[in-house]
């Protein structure tokens, strides 16, 4: 068995088995559900954890352990069970792999694993779409290069502390 970066690799008589490696000192902390982040951020946390598990775990049993671990971590960090179930269901429906979730179907899992393992990342897709000639690259013209735009979802809480409005609400 070899732990390399975030993967555990095991050689069983010439058959390689992989799963996610967790450092013993790491804590099960993720962005709390109660934070002032948009809901799509919370949805992406769950989706990305499942994609990562499906890409790295070579067996359906290891994938299911990661899925359960992710579910527990989300619950500990205040995610509602209904939210977790809905977005887990969305993930498995998106990849037509509901029987991986409900029955731990090995054949369906191998299809999911293969699909996600070999799916190009956004960066790889972008590189594939770029022309090979880098000399004709135009310089980017930034329209507002001397301005800074701040986007903060909790601004209203700060501006209206204690019932006293700092600025008027429009």
Protein backbone atom coordinates (compact mmCIF):
# COMPACT_ATOMS: atom_id res chain seq x y z
CA UNK A 1 0.00 0.00 0.00
CA UNK A 2 1.24 3.45 -0.96
CA UNK A 3 -0.23 6.79 0.08
CA UNK A 4 0.60 9.32 -2.62
CA UNK A 5 -0.78 12.86 -2.48
CA UNK A 6 -4.49 12.27 -1.82
CA UNK A 7 -4.74 8.70 -3.13
CA UNK A 8 -4.06 5.34 -1.50
CA UNK A 9 -2.80 2.82 -4.05
CA UNK A 10 -2.82 -0.88 -3.24
CA UNK A 11 -1.36 -3.69 -5.36
CA UNK A 12 -3.31 -6.95 -5.01
CA UNK A 13 -1.44 -9.52 -7.10
CA UNK A 14 -0.99 -7.11 -10.00
CA UNK A 15 -4.43 -5.48 -9.70
CA UNK A 16 -4.22 -1.86 -8.59
CA UNK A 17 -6.90 -0.61 -6.21
CA UNK A 18 -7.25 3.10 -5.49
CA UNK A 19 -9.21 5.10 -2.95
CA UNK A 20 -9.03 8.54 -1.35
CA UNK A 21 -6.31 8.98 1.27
CA UNK A 22 -7.30 10.92 4.38
CA UNK A 23 -4.58 12.29 6.64
CA UNK A 24 -5.09 11.23 10.23
CA UNK A 25 -4.66 14.82 11.42
CA UNK A 26 -7.29 16.30 9.08
CA UNK A 27 -10.61 17.36 10.52
CA UNK A 28 -14.03 16.88 8.92
CA UNK A 29 -14.54 20.60 8.35
CA UNK A 30 -16.08 22.18 5.28
CA UNK A 31 -17.94 25.42 4.65
CA UNK A 32 -20.82 25.54 7.16
CA UNK A 33 -24.31 25.60 5.68
CA UNK A 34 -25.10 28.67 7.80
CA UNK A 35 -22.43 30.78 6.06
CA UNK A 36 -23.41 33.73 3.88
CA UNK A 37 -22.40 31.99 0.67
CA UNK A 38 -24.82 31.48 -2.22
CA UNK A 39 -26.55 28.09 -2.25
CA UNK A 40 -24.78 27.01 -5.44
CA UNK A 41 -21.51 27.02 -3.48
CA UNK A 42 -22.96 24.49 -1.03
CA UNK A 43 -24.34 22.39 -3.90
CA UNK A 44 -20.91 22.40 -5.56
CA UNK A 45 -19.22 21.14 -2.39
CA UNK A 46 -21.37 18.02 -2.43
CA UNK A 47 -21.13 17.53 -6.20
CA UNK A 48 -17.35 17.97 -6.25
CA UNK A 49 -16.89 15.55 -3.35
CA UNK A 50 -18.88 12.89 -5.22
CA UNK A 51 -17.03 13.51 -8.50
CA UNK A 52 -13.69 13.28 -6.67
CA UNK A 53 -14.72 10.03 -4.99
CA UNK A 54 -15.96 8.52 -8.26
CA UNK A 55 -12.72 9.46 -10.02
CA UNK A 56 -10.38 8.17 -7.32
CA UNK A 57 -12.11 5.10 -5.91
CA UNK A 58 -11.68 2.03 -8.08
CA UNK A 59 -14.38 -0.02 -6.31
CA UNK A 60 -18.03 0.71 -5.61
CA UNK A 61 -17.51 -0.21 -1.92
CA UNK A 62 -14.79 2.44 -1.46
CA UNK A 63 -16.91 4.96 -3.34
CA UNK A 64 -19.86 4.24 -1.05
CA UNK A 65 -17.68 4.69 2.05
CA UNK A 66 -16.59 8.09 0.70
CA UNK A 67 -20.18 9.01 -0.07
CA UNK A 68 -21.24 8.11 3.48
CA UNK A 69 -18.28 9.99 4.93
CA UNK A 70 -19.17 13.06 2.87
CA UNK A 71 -22.77 12.81 4.03
CA UNK A 72 -21.68 12.68 7.69
CA UNK A 73 -19.32 15.64 7.26
CA UNK A 74 -22.12 17.66 5.67
CA UNK A 75 -24.48 16.80 8.54
CA UNK A 76 -21.85 17.78 11.14
CA UNK A 77 -21.45 21.13 9.36
CA UNK A 78 -25.17 21.92 9.51
CA UNK A 79 -26.38 20.82 6.07
CA UNK A 80 -30.05 19.78 6.19
CA UNK A 81 -30.65 16.07 5.42
CA UNK A 82 -33.23 17.03 2.78
CA UNK A 83 -30.64 19.22 0.99
CA UNK A 84 -28.07 16.39 1.05
CA UNK A 85 -30.53 13.80 -0.26
CA UNK A 86 -31.80 16.07 -3.04
CA UNK A 87 -28.36 16.91 -4.40
CA UNK A 88 -27.07 13.36 -4.05
CA UNK A 89 -30.08 12.23 -6.06
CA UNK A 90 -29.35 14.95 -8.65
CA UNK A 91 -25.75 13.72 -8.97
CA UNK A 92 -26.72 10.10 -9.58
CA UNK A 93 -29.52 11.07 -11.96
CA UNK A 94 -27.18 13.34 -13.94
CA UNK A 95 -24.85 10.40 -14.62
CA UNK A 96 -27.65 7.83 -15.00
CA UNK A 97 -26.26 5.87 -12.04
CA UNK A 98 -29.12 5.64 -9.53
CA UNK A 99 -28.47 1.92 -9.02
CA UNK A 100 -24.96 2.76 -7.82
CA UNK A 101 -26.58 4.70 -4.98
CA UNK A 102 -29.46 2.34 -4.27
CA UNK A 103 -27.94 -1.10 -4.99
CA UNK A 104 -24.15 -0.56 -5.11
CA UNK A 105 -24.19 -1.97 -8.64
CA UNK A 106 -20.56 -2.70 -9.58
CA UNK A 107 -21.05 -2.61 -13.35
CA UNK A 108 -22.84 0.75 -13.26
CA UNK A 109 -20.20 2.10 -10.90
CA UNK A 110 -17.40 1.10 -13.28
CA UNK A 111 -19.18 3.02 -16.06
CA UNK A 112 -19.53 6.07 -13.79
CA UNK A 113 -15.91 5.75 -12.65
CA UNK A 114 -14.65 5.49 -16.23
CA UNK A 115 -16.82 8.39 -17.45
CA UNK A 116 -15.66 10.77 -14.72
CA UNK A 117 -12.05 9.57 -14.70
CA UNK A 118 -11.57 10.32 -18.38
CA UNK A 119 -13.80 13.39 -18.60
CA UNK A 120 -11.64 16.43 -19.46
CA UNK A 121 -11.52 19.19 -16.86
CA UNK A 122 -12.66 22.70 -17.80
CA UNK A 123 -9.03 23.72 -18.19
CA UNK A 124 -8.32 20.77 -20.51
CA UNK A 125 -11.43 21.59 -22.56
CA UNK A 126 -10.34 25.23 -22.84
CA UNK A 127 -6.86 24.21 -24.00
CA UNK A 128 -8.36 21.88 -26.63
CA UNK A 129 -10.50 24.70 -28.01
CA UNK A 130 -7.62 27.20 -28.25
CA UNK A 131 -5.81 27.53 -31.55
CA UNK A 132 -2.23 26.26 -31.52
CA UNK A 133 -0.84 29.56 -32.82
CA UNK A 134 -0.04 31.68 -29.75
CA UNK A 135 1.55 34.55 -31.75
CA UNK A 136 -1.85 35.91 -32.89
CA UNK A 137 -3.11 36.33 -29.33
CA UNK A 138 -4.75 39.74 -28.82
CA UNK A 139 -4.00 41.70 -25.68
CA UNK A 140 -7.00 41.92 -23.35
CA UNK A 141 -8.54 45.37 -23.08
CA UNK A 142 -9.99 45.83 -19.61
CA UNK A 143 -12.78 48.39 -19.59
CA UNK A 144 -12.70 49.09 -15.84
CA UNK A 145 -9.04 48.47 -15.05
CA UNK A 146 -8.81 51.37 -12.58
CA UNK A 147 -11.91 50.36 -10.58
CA UNK A 148 -12.48 47.71 -7.95
CA UNK A 149 -15.87 46.03 -7.55
CA UNK A 150 -16.63 44.44 -4.19
CA UNK A 151 -19.27 41.74 -4.01
CA UNK A 152 -20.28 40.72 -0.51
CA UNK A 153 -23.55 39.00 0.39
CA UNK A 154 -23.45 39.99 4.07
CA UNK A 155 -23.12 43.72 3.38
CA UNK A 156 -26.68 44.47 4.46
CA UNK A 157 -25.99 42.99 7.92
CA UNK A 158 -22.97 45.26 8.37
CA UNK A 159 -24.67 48.41 7.09
CA UNK A 160 -27.83 47.96 9.15
CA UNK A 161 -26.37 46.95 12.51
CA UNK A 162 -28.35 47.76 15.62
CA UNK A 163 -31.37 49.07 13.73
CA UNK A 164 -29.45 52.15 12.57
CA UNK A 165 -29.09 52.38 8.82
CA UNK A 166 -25.71 53.68 7.67
CA UNK A 167 -27.05 54.20 4.15
CA UNK A 168 -30.59 54.19 2.88
CA UNK A 169 -32.05 50.92 1.61
CA UNK A 170 -32.97 51.27 -2.07
